[in-house]
C-alpha atoms as a PDB file:
ATOM      1  CA  MET A   1      66.325 316.440  82.383  1.00  0.00           C
ATOM      2  CA  ARG A   2      65.556 312.717  82.564  1.00  0.00           C
ATOM      3  CA  ILE A   3      62.429 313.215  80.480  1.00  0.00           C
ATOM      4  CA  PHE A   4      64.511 314.837  77.744  1.00  0.00           C
ATOM      5  CA  ILE A   5      66.922 311.876  77.738  1.00  0.00           C
ATOM      6  CA  TYR A   6      64.051 309.378  77.643  1.00  0.00           C
ATOM      7  CA  LYS A   7      62.371 311.211  74.787  1.00  0.00           C
ATOM      8  CA  THR A   8      65.645 311.433  72.871  1.00  0.00           C
ATOM      9  CA  LEU A   9      66.327 307.729  73.308  1.00  0.00           C
ATOM     10  CA  PHE A  10      62.773 306.871  72.286  1.00  0.00           C
ATOM     11  CA  ILE A  11      62.977 309.012  69.126  1.00  0.00           C
ATOM     12  CA  PHE A  12      66.369 307.514  68.280  1.00  0.00           C
ATOM     13  CA  LEU A  13      64.945 304.021  68.717  1.00  0.00           C
ATOM     14  CA  LEU A  14      61.989 304.839  66.453  1.00  0.00           C
ATOM     15  CA  ILE A  15      64.285 306.241  63.763  1.00  0.00           C
ATOM     16  CA  PHE A  16      66.524 303.180  64.022  1.00  0.00           C
ATOM     17  CA  ILE A  17      63.594 300.768  63.700  1.00  0.00           C
ATOM     18  CA  THR A  18      62.114 302.732  60.799  1.00  0.00           C
ATOM     19  CA  PHE A  19      65.442 302.689  58.989  1.00  0.00           C
ATOM     20  CA  HIS A  20      65.774 298.939  59.366  1.00  0.00           C
ATOM     21  CA  LEU A  21      62.213 298.274  58.295  1.00  0.00           C
ATOM     22  CA  THR A  22      62.502 300.371  55.121  1.00  0.00           C
ATOM     23  CA  PHE A  23      66.044 300.570  53.777  1.00  0.00           C
ATOM     24  CA  ASN A  24      67.243 297.257  55.100  1.00  0.00           C
ATOM     25  CA  PHE A  25      64.251 295.515  53.536  1.00  0.00           C
ATOM     26  CA  ALA A  26      64.940 297.185  50.183  1.00  0.00           C
ATOM     27  CA  ILE A  27      68.611 296.254  50.311  1.00  0.00           C
ATOM     28  CA  ARG A  28      67.831 292.617  51.124  1.00  0.00           C
ATOM     29  CA  THR A  29      65.328 292.477  48.261  1.00  0.00           C
ATOM     30  CA  VAL A  30      67.910 293.746  45.777  1.00  0.00           C
ATOM     31  CA  GLU A  31      70.535 291.332  47.098  1.00  0.00           C
ATOM     32  CA  ARG A  32      68.148 288.406  46.643  1.00  0.00           C
ATOM     33  CA  LYS A  33      67.399 289.453  43.075  1.00  0.00           C
ATOM     34  CA  ILE A  34      71.110 289.691  42.308  1.00  0.00           C
ATOM     35  CA  ASP A  35      71.661 286.231  43.790  1.00  0.00           C
ATOM     36  CA  VAL A  36      68.835 284.800  41.687  1.00  0.00           C
ATOM     37  CA  ILE A  37      70.132 286.407  38.495  1.00  0.00           C
ATOM     38  CA  GLY A  38      73.692 285.295  39.176  1.00  0.00           C
ATOM     39  CA  SER A  39      72.893 281.689  39.998  1.00  0.00           C
ATOM     40  CA  LYS A  40      74.446 279.003  37.822  1.00  0.00           C
ATOM     41  CA  GLU A  41      71.090 277.687  36.648  1.00  0.00           C
ATOM     42  CA  ASN A  42      69.973 281.107  35.452  1.00  0.00           C
ATOM     43  CA  ILE A  43      73.297 281.786  33.762  1.00  0.00           C
ATOM     44  CA  GLU A  44      72.874 278.567  31.779  1.00  0.00           C
ATOM     45  CA  VAL A  45      69.339 279.591  30.822  1.00  0.00           C
ATOM     46  CA  TYR A  46      70.608 282.972  29.607  1.00  0.00           C
ATOM     47  CA  LYS A  47      73.406 281.313  27.637  1.00  0.00           C
ATOM     48  CA  GLU A  48      70.965 278.975  25.917  1.00  0.00           C
ATOM     49  CA  GLU A  49      68.630 281.871  25.098  1.00  0.00           C
ATOM     50  CA  ILE A  50      71.493 283.855  23.568  1.00  0.00           C
ATOM     51  CA  ARG A  51      72.620 280.825  21.554  1.00  0.00           C
ATOM     52  CA  LYS A  52      69.085 280.295  20.279  1.00  0.00           C
ATOM     53  CA  GLN A  53      68.789 283.906  19.198  1.00  0.00           C
ATOM     54  CA  LEU A  54      72.190 283.770  17.489  1.00  0.00           C
ATOM     55  CA  ARG A  55      71.140 280.640  15.574  1.00  0.00           C
ATOM     56  CA  ASP A  56      67.899 282.318  14.532  1.00  0.00           C
ATOM     57  CA  SER A  57      69.695 285.439  13.342  1.00  0.00           C
ATOM     58  CA  ILE A  58      72.241 283.400  11.354  1.00  0.00           C
ATOM     59  CA  ASN A  59      69.421 281.682   9.473  1.00  0.00           C
ATOM     60  CA  LYS A  60      67.815 284.979   8.468  1.00  0.00           C
ATOM     61  CA  ASP A  61      68.435 286.525   5.051  1.00  0.00           C
ATOM     62  CA  ARG A  62      69.025 290.005   6.443  1.00  0.00           C
ATOM     63  CA  LEU A  63      69.882 290.739  10.037  1.00  0.00           C
ATOM     64  CA  ILE A  64      68.743 294.361   9.907  1.00  0.00           C
ATOM     65  CA  ASN A  65      66.582 296.318   7.531  1.00  0.00           C
ATOM     66  CA  LYS A  66      68.028 298.774   5.019  1.00  0.00           C
ATOM     67  CA  GLU A  67      67.119 301.917   6.978  1.00  0.00           C
ATOM     68  CA  ASP A  68      68.924 300.628  10.073  1.00  0.00           C
ATOM     69  CA  ALA A  69      71.922 299.643   7.962  1.00  0.00           C
ATOM     70  CA  ILE A  70      72.131 303.164   6.532  1.00  0.00           C
ATOM     71  CA  LEU A  71      71.911 304.706  10.004  1.00  0.00           C
ATOM     72  CA  LEU A  72      74.622 302.399  11.341  1.00  0.00           C
ATOM     73  CA  ARG A  73      76.869 303.174   8.362  1.00  0.00           C
ATOM     74  CA  LYS A  74      76.477 306.929   8.945  1.00  0.00           C
ATOM     75  CA  LEU A  75      77.209 306.502  12.641  1.00  0.00           C
ATOM     76  CA  LEU A  76      80.321 304.433  11.951  1.00  0.00           C
ATOM     77  CA  ASP A  77      81.538 306.959   9.371  1.00  0.00           C
ATOM     78  CA  LYS A  78      81.088 309.761  11.884  1.00  0.00           C
ATOM     79  CA  ILE A  79      82.997 307.830  14.540  1.00  0.00           C
ATOM     80  CA  LYS A  80      85.794 307.107  12.070  1.00  0.00           C
ATOM     81  CA  SER A  81      86.055 310.774  11.122  1.00  0.00           C
ATOM     82  CA  GLU A  82      86.286 311.803  14.780  1.00  0.00           C
ATOM     83  CA  ILE A  83      88.954 309.221  15.571  1.00  0.00           C
ATOM     84  CA  TYR A  84      91.273 310.199  12.679  1.00  0.00           C
END
Protein backbone atom coordinates (compact mmCIF):
# COMPACT_ATOMS: atom_id res chain seq x y z
CA MET A 1 0.00 0.00 0.00
CA ARG A 2 2.87 2.39 0.75
CA ILE A 3 4.37 1.72 -2.67
CA PHE A 4 1.10 2.76 -4.31
CA ILE A 5 1.07 6.02 -2.33
CA TYR A 6 4.71 6.72 -3.18
CA LYS A 7 4.12 6.06 -6.86
CA THR A 8 1.01 8.24 -6.86
CA LEU A 9 2.84 11.11 -5.18
CA PHE A 10 5.76 10.75 -7.58
CA ILE A 11 3.49 10.80 -10.64
CA PHE A 12 1.61 13.80 -9.25
CA LEU A 13 4.90 15.61 -8.68
CA LEU A 14 6.03 14.86 -12.24
CA ILE A 15 2.75 16.13 -13.68
CA PHE A 16 2.97 19.26 -11.54
CA ILE A 17 6.55 19.99 -12.63
CA THR A 18 5.71 19.33 -16.28
CA PHE A 19 2.75 21.69 -16.10
CA HIS A 20 4.86 24.47 -14.63
CA LEU A 21 7.66 23.99 -17.12
CA THR A 22 5.34 24.12 -20.15
CA PHE A 23 2.19 26.15 -19.54
CA ASN A 24 3.63 28.50 -16.97
CA PHE A 25 6.52 29.32 -19.30
CA ALA A 26 4.11 30.03 -22.16
CA ILE A 27 1.94 32.23 -19.97
CA ARG A 28 4.93 34.23 -18.73
CA THR A 29 6.14 34.70 -22.31
CA VAL A 30 2.78 36.09 -23.40
CA GLU A 31 2.60 38.37 -20.36
CA ARG A 32 6.04 39.78 -21.15
CA LYS A 33 5.03 40.46 -24.75
CA ILE A 34 1.89 42.25 -23.58
CA ASP A 35 3.95 44.35 -21.17
CA VAL A 36 6.38 45.27 -23.94
CA ILE A 37 3.59 46.21 -26.35
CA GLY A 38 1.76 48.23 -23.71
CA SER A 39 4.75 50.19 -22.48
CA LYS A 40 4.62 53.97 -22.79
CA GLU A 41 7.63 54.11 -25.09
CA ASN A 42 6.10 51.66 -27.54
CA ILE A 43 2.74 53.41 -27.45
CA GLU A 44 4.47 56.65 -28.45
CA VAL A 45 6.26 54.85 -31.27
CA TYR A 46 2.95 53.45 -32.53
CA LYS A 47 1.32 56.88 -32.32
CA GLU A 48 4.11 58.46 -34.34
CA GLU A 49 3.91 55.69 -36.95
CA ILE A 50 0.16 56.18 -37.30
CA ARG A 51 0.60 59.95 -37.60
CA LYS A 52 3.24 59.48 -40.28
CA GLN A 53 1.01 57.17 -42.27
CA LEU A 54 -1.93 59.58 -41.95
CA ARG A 55 0.24 62.45 -43.22
CA ASP A 56 1.40 60.33 -46.15
CA SER A 57 -2.15 59.33 -47.05
CA ILE A 58 -3.36 62.95 -46.88
CA ASN A 59 -0.70 63.98 -49.39
CA LYS A 60 -1.74 61.32 -51.89
CA ASP A 61 -4.05 62.12 -54.81
CA ARG A 62 -6.22 59.06 -54.28
CA LEU A 63 -6.35 57.07 -51.09
CA ILE A 64 -7.71 53.92 -52.72
CA ASN A 65 -7.89 52.71 -56.28
CA LYS A 66 -11.12 52.73 -58.27
CA GLU A 67 -11.81 49.00 -57.94
CA ASP A 68 -11.57 49.19 -54.15
CA ALA A 69 -13.80 52.27 -54.13
CA ILE A 70 -16.45 50.42 -56.13
CA LEU A 71 -16.30 47.43 -53.79
CA LEU A 72 -16.60 49.65 -50.72
CA ARG A 73 -19.54 51.52 -52.26
CA LYS A 74 -21.35 48.23 -52.96
CA LEU A 75 -20.67 47.01 -49.44
CA LEU A 76 -21.95 50.24 -47.90
CA ASP A 77 -25.07 50.15 -50.09
CA LYS A 78 -25.76 46.59 -48.98
CA ILE A 79 -25.33 47.53 -45.32
CA LYS A 80 -27.66 50.50 -45.77
CA SER A 81 -30.31 48.32 -47.39
CA GLU A 82 -30.14 45.81 -44.53
CA ILE A 83 -30.38 48.50 -41.86
CA TYR A 84 -33.48 50.20 -43.34
